[in-house]
Amino acid sequence: MAEVPRISVPCIPISGSELQFPVRRIYCVGRNYADHAREMGGDPQRELPFFFSKPADAVVPSGWRLPYPVRTSDLHHEVELVVGLHKGGANIHAADASSLIYGYAVGIDLTRRDLQAEAKKAGRPWDMAKGFDHSAPIGALTRGLPPASGSISLTVDGNVRQRGDLKDMIWSVAEVIAALSTFVELAPGDLIFTGTPAGVGAIRRGETVRGMIVGTEPIEIIFEP
């Protein structure tokens, strides 16, 4: 008889510590910066928060060399503030949401844009465009609450592709947590990607992608040729 599989829990490093943050689930909010909503054809004045997810084992720590993803010729970068939760709950009020946050980090929501476009056109789910292997590079988690303002940026081979400010979020981190908790019950170990500023674009084989947010360690990923 075959043995029962032994599966380890995905983790991300905690800055200044030898501890690791265990990952339960990864949620992402779409179009949370007005300029990005417009570049993707949305209307930031009318859209309520909407969410999608990635598998927990999609996390990738800084410094990894990644194979270029299969089934795509249009891989895109989206730099984002990520928060990690040490408490959970359902139907959380925005005023109470900050008490759930353990820390924050910079992450990159990798997207197979061509597959996403095909899915949108056919009215199908985005899962394979967003939730593929190695699709969630995340830097070390900084303990404490994330800043309400400050620089968020991404470079490819040293050239700035995305640059914005956290204060330009349409929905604050607390509002994102509160809205998400009306759909699912949140729990310790959950990670939430909070949206990306404008400037998303393609990554080519052999390029180095670096994401930065004020107060965090950067995330840097190299794609194999």
Protein backbone atom coordinates (compact mmCIF):
# COMPACT_ATOMS: atom_id res chain seq x y z
CA MET A 1 0.00 0.00 0.00
CA ALA A 2 1.27 3.46 -0.88
CA GLU A 3 2.29 5.76 1.95
CA VAL A 4 0.18 8.78 2.83
CA PRO A 5 1.86 11.89 1.34
CA ARG A 6 3.78 14.12 3.73
CA ILE A 7 3.28 17.75 2.78
CA SER A 8 5.15 20.70 4.27
CA VAL A 9 3.44 24.04 4.85
CA PRO A 10 4.65 26.87 2.57
CA CYS A 11 6.34 29.67 4.53
CA ILE A 12 7.87 33.09 3.97
CA PRO A 13 10.72 34.58 6.03
CA ILE A 14 10.12 37.14 8.77
CA SER A 15 12.54 40.06 8.63
CA GLY A 16 15.04 40.21 11.50
CA SER A 17 14.11 36.75 12.74
CA GLU A 18 14.83 33.09 12.11
CA LEU A 19 11.09 32.44 12.31
CA GLN A 20 8.98 31.64 9.26
CA PHE A 21 5.42 32.80 8.57
CA PRO A 22 3.24 29.81 7.57
CA VAL A 23 0.97 30.45 4.60
CA ARG A 24 -2.63 29.21 4.74
CA ARG A 25 -4.25 30.92 1.76
CA ILE A 26 -3.40 33.72 -0.67
CA TYR A 27 -6.07 36.24 -1.66
CA CYS A 28 -5.66 39.10 -4.13
CA VAL A 29 -7.78 42.19 -4.75
CA GLY A 30 -8.07 43.46 -8.31
CA ARG A 31 -7.78 47.01 -9.65
CA ASN A 32 -7.18 48.83 -6.37
CA TYR A 33 -5.27 51.78 -7.87
CA ALA A 34 -7.22 54.18 -10.10
CA ASP A 35 -4.47 54.47 -12.73
CA HIS A 36 -4.17 50.69 -13.02
CA ALA A 37 -7.96 50.28 -13.19
CA ARG A 38 -7.99 52.68 -16.14
CA GLU A 39 -5.10 50.99 -17.96
CA MET A 40 -7.00 47.69 -17.66
CA GLY A 41 -10.19 49.23 -19.01
CA GLY A 42 -12.03 49.59 -15.68
CA ASP A 43 -13.80 52.49 -13.97
CA PRO A 44 -12.31 53.18 -10.50
CA GLN A 45 -15.31 55.30 -9.54
CA ARG A 46 -17.82 52.46 -9.87
CA GLU A 47 -16.07 49.16 -9.07
CA LEU A 48 -16.40 47.51 -5.68
CA PRO A 49 -13.51 45.32 -4.49
CA PHE A 50 -13.32 41.94 -6.21
CA PHE A 51 -11.02 39.07 -5.36
CA PHE A 52 -9.18 36.08 -6.77
CA SER A 53 -6.75 33.64 -5.20
CA LYS A 54 -3.45 31.83 -5.66
CA PRO A 55 -2.39 28.51 -4.14
CA ALA A 56 -0.32 28.77 -0.96
CA ASP A 57 2.61 26.95 -2.54
CA ALA A 58 2.88 29.61 -5.27
CA VAL A 59 5.03 31.68 -2.86
CA VAL A 60 8.64 32.24 -3.92
CA PRO A 61 11.28 33.90 -1.70
CA SER A 62 13.64 36.60 -2.89
CA GLY A 63 16.73 35.52 -4.79
CA TRP A 64 15.25 32.58 -6.66
CA ARG A 65 15.91 31.81 -10.30
CA LEU A 66 12.62 30.84 -11.91
CA PRO A 67 11.86 28.97 -15.10
CA TYR A 68 9.77 31.01 -17.49
CA PRO A 69 6.17 29.81 -16.97
CA VAL A 70 4.71 27.35 -19.43
CA ARG A 71 1.65 28.01 -21.62
CA THR A 72 2.31 31.74 -21.99
CA SER A 73 4.16 34.18 -24.21
CA ASP A 74 2.97 37.27 -22.28
CA LEU A 75 4.00 37.05 -18.62
CA HIS A 76 3.29 40.28 -16.71
CA HIS A 77 4.54 41.77 -13.43
CA GLU A 78 2.30 43.48 -10.84
CA VAL A 79 4.07 44.79 -7.72
CA GLU A 80 1.86 44.85 -4.62
CA LEU A 81 1.76 45.44 -0.87
CA VAL A 82 1.05 42.12 0.85
CA VAL A 83 -0.26 41.77 4.41
CA GLY A 84 -0.07 38.64 6.54
CA LEU A 85 -2.73 37.88 9.16
CA HIS A 86 -2.23 36.42 12.64
CA LYS A 87 -5.94 36.55 13.47
CA GLY A 88 -9.07 35.83 11.47
CA GLY A 89 -12.82 36.17 11.42
CA ALA A 90 -15.85 36.85 9.25
CA ASN A 91 -17.77 40.09 8.62
CA ILE A 92 -15.01 42.16 10.16
CA HIS A 93 -15.52 45.91 10.50
CA ALA A 94 -12.88 48.07 8.82
CA ALA A 95 -12.19 49.76 12.15
CA ASP A 96 -11.15 46.38 13.61
CA ALA A 97 -9.25 45.04 10.60
CA SER A 98 -5.81 46.33 11.62
CA SER A 99 -5.81 44.08 14.69
CA LEU A 100 -5.65 41.05 12.36
CA ILE A 101 -2.39 42.11 10.68
CA TYR A 102 0.87 40.48 11.74
CA GLY A 103 3.08 42.17 9.16
CA TYR A 104 3.56 43.29 5.58
CA ALA A 105 5.83 42.65 2.62
CA VAL A 106 6.32 43.44 -1.04
CA GLY A 107 5.00 40.86 -3.48
CA ILE A 108 4.75 40.39 -7.23
CA ASP A 109 1.50 39.07 -8.69
CA LEU A 110 2.77 37.25 -11.78
CA THR A 111 0.08 36.98 -14.46
CA ARG A 112 -0.12 35.01 -17.68
CA ARG A 113 -1.83 37.93 -19.40
CA ASP A 114 -2.58 36.11 -22.64
CA LEU A 115 -4.40 33.34 -20.75
CA GLN A 116 -6.27 35.95 -18.71
CA ALA A 117 -7.39 37.74 -21.87
CA GLU A 118 -8.60 34.47 -23.37
CA ALA A 119 -10.50 33.63 -20.18
CA LYS A 120 -12.16 37.05 -20.06
CA LYS A 121 -13.20 36.82 -23.70
CA ALA A 122 -14.74 33.38 -23.14
CA GLY A 123 -16.33 34.30 -19.81
CA ARG A 124 -14.23 31.69 -18.01
CA PRO A 125 -12.38 31.76 -14.64
CA TRP A 126 -8.91 33.31 -14.38
CA ASP A 127 -7.42 30.51 -12.26
CA MET A 128 -4.77 29.34 -14.72
CA ALA A 129 -3.79 32.94 -15.51
CA LYS A 130 -3.16 33.87 -11.87
CA GLY A 131 -2.72 30.74 -9.77
CA PHE A 132 0.11 28.87 -11.47
CA ASP A 133 3.42 27.55 -10.10
CA HIS A 134 5.77 30.23 -8.66
CA SER A 135 3.21 32.98 -9.35
CA ALA A 136 3.54 34.74 -5.96
CA PRO A 137 7.09 35.96 -5.23
CA ILE A 138 7.05 37.62 -1.78
CA GLY A 139 9.82 39.33 0.18
CA ALA A 140 10.46 38.93 3.90
CA LEU A 141 7.57 39.96 6.14
CA THR A 142 8.11 43.12 8.24
CA ARG A 143 6.28 42.88 11.56
CA GLY A 144 3.73 45.60 12.33
CA LEU A 145 1.16 47.60 10.41
CA PRO A 146 1.91 48.70 6.85
CA PRO A 147 2.35 52.41 6.13
CA ALA A 148 -0.66 54.26 4.74
CA SER A 149 1.58 56.11 2.28
CA GLY A 150 4.99 55.67 0.74
CA SER A 151 6.73 54.49 -2.40
CA ILE A 152 5.88 51.27 -4.22
CA SER A 153 7.90 50.45 -7.34
CA LEU A 154 9.20 47.73 -9.64
CA THR A 155 12.18 47.53 -11.96
CA VAL A 156 13.08 45.11 -14.73
CA ASP A 157 16.84 44.88 -15.35
CA GLY A 158 17.18 48.15 -13.41
CA ASN A 159 14.64 50.07 -15.50
CA VAL A 160 11.63 51.45 -13.62
CA ARG A 161 8.38 49.95 -14.88
CA GLN A 162 5.98 50.70 -12.03
CA ARG A 163 6.06 53.57 -9.54
CA GLY A 164 3.28 54.73 -7.24
CA ASP A 165 2.31 55.57 -3.69
CA LEU A 166 0.41 53.41 -1.21
CA LYS A 167 -1.89 56.35 -0.44
CA ASP A 168 -3.32 56.04 -3.94
CA MET A 169 -5.17 52.82 -3.14
CA ILE A 170 -8.89 53.10 -3.89
CA TRP A 171 -9.69 50.84 -0.94
CA SER A 172 -7.45 50.98 2.14
CA VAL A 173 -5.87 47.81 3.54
CA ALA A 174 -8.45 47.78 6.34
CA GLU A 175 -11.31 48.15 3.85
CA VAL A 176 -9.90 45.35 1.70
CA ILE A 177 -9.73 43.02 4.72
CA ALA A 178 -13.25 43.95 5.77
CA ALA A 179 -14.67 43.39 2.28
CA LEU A 180 -12.88 40.06 1.86
CA SER A 181 -14.20 38.84 5.22
CA THR A 182 -17.76 39.11 3.91
CA PHE A 183 -16.95 36.44 1.28
CA VAL A 184 -14.80 34.02 3.31
CA GLU A 185 -13.82 33.55 6.93
CA LEU A 186 -10.24 34.74 7.27
CA ALA A 187 -7.71 32.87 9.41
CA PRO A 188 -4.15 33.12 10.74
CA GLY A 189 -1.64 32.52 7.95
CA ASP A 190 -3.68 34.22 5.24
CA LEU A 191 -1.85 36.56 2.87
CA ILE A 192 -3.62 39.37 1.01
CA PHE A 193 -2.22 41.09 -2.08
CA THR A 194 -3.71 44.60 -2.05
CA GLY A 195 -3.47 45.75 -5.67
CA THR A 196 -0.93 47.22 -8.07
CA PRO A 197 -0.25 50.70 -9.50
CA ALA A 198 -0.12 51.40 -13.23
CA GLY A 199 2.71 50.28 -15.47
CA VAL A 200 2.18 46.52 -15.53
CA GLY A 201 4.00 44.95 -18.42
CA ALA A 202 5.76 41.96 -19.94
CA ILE A 203 8.72 40.05 -18.52
CA ARG A 204 11.10 38.33 -20.93
CA ARG A 205 13.34 35.35 -20.41
CA GLY A 206 16.61 36.20 -18.67
CA GLU A 207 15.32 39.39 -17.05
CA THR A 208 15.65 40.34 -13.36
CA VAL A 209 12.54 41.73 -11.65
CA ARG A 210 12.85 43.71 -8.40
CA GLY A 211 9.92 44.97 -6.31
CA MET A 212 10.26 47.58 -3.55
CA ILE A 213 7.99 49.13 -0.92
CA VAL A 214 8.99 51.58 1.78
CA GLY A 215 9.77 49.80 5.07
CA THR A 216 10.24 46.33 3.57
CA GLU A 217 13.02 44.17 2.22
CA PRO A 218 12.88 44.07 -1.60
CA ILE A 219 11.89 41.02 -3.60
CA GLU A 220 14.15 40.09 -6.50
CA ILE A 221 13.52 37.28 -8.96
CA ILE A 222 15.61 36.21 -11.95
CA PHE A 223 13.97 34.42 -14.88
CA GLU A 224 16.03 31.79 -16.61
CA PRO A 225 16.89 32.36 -20.29
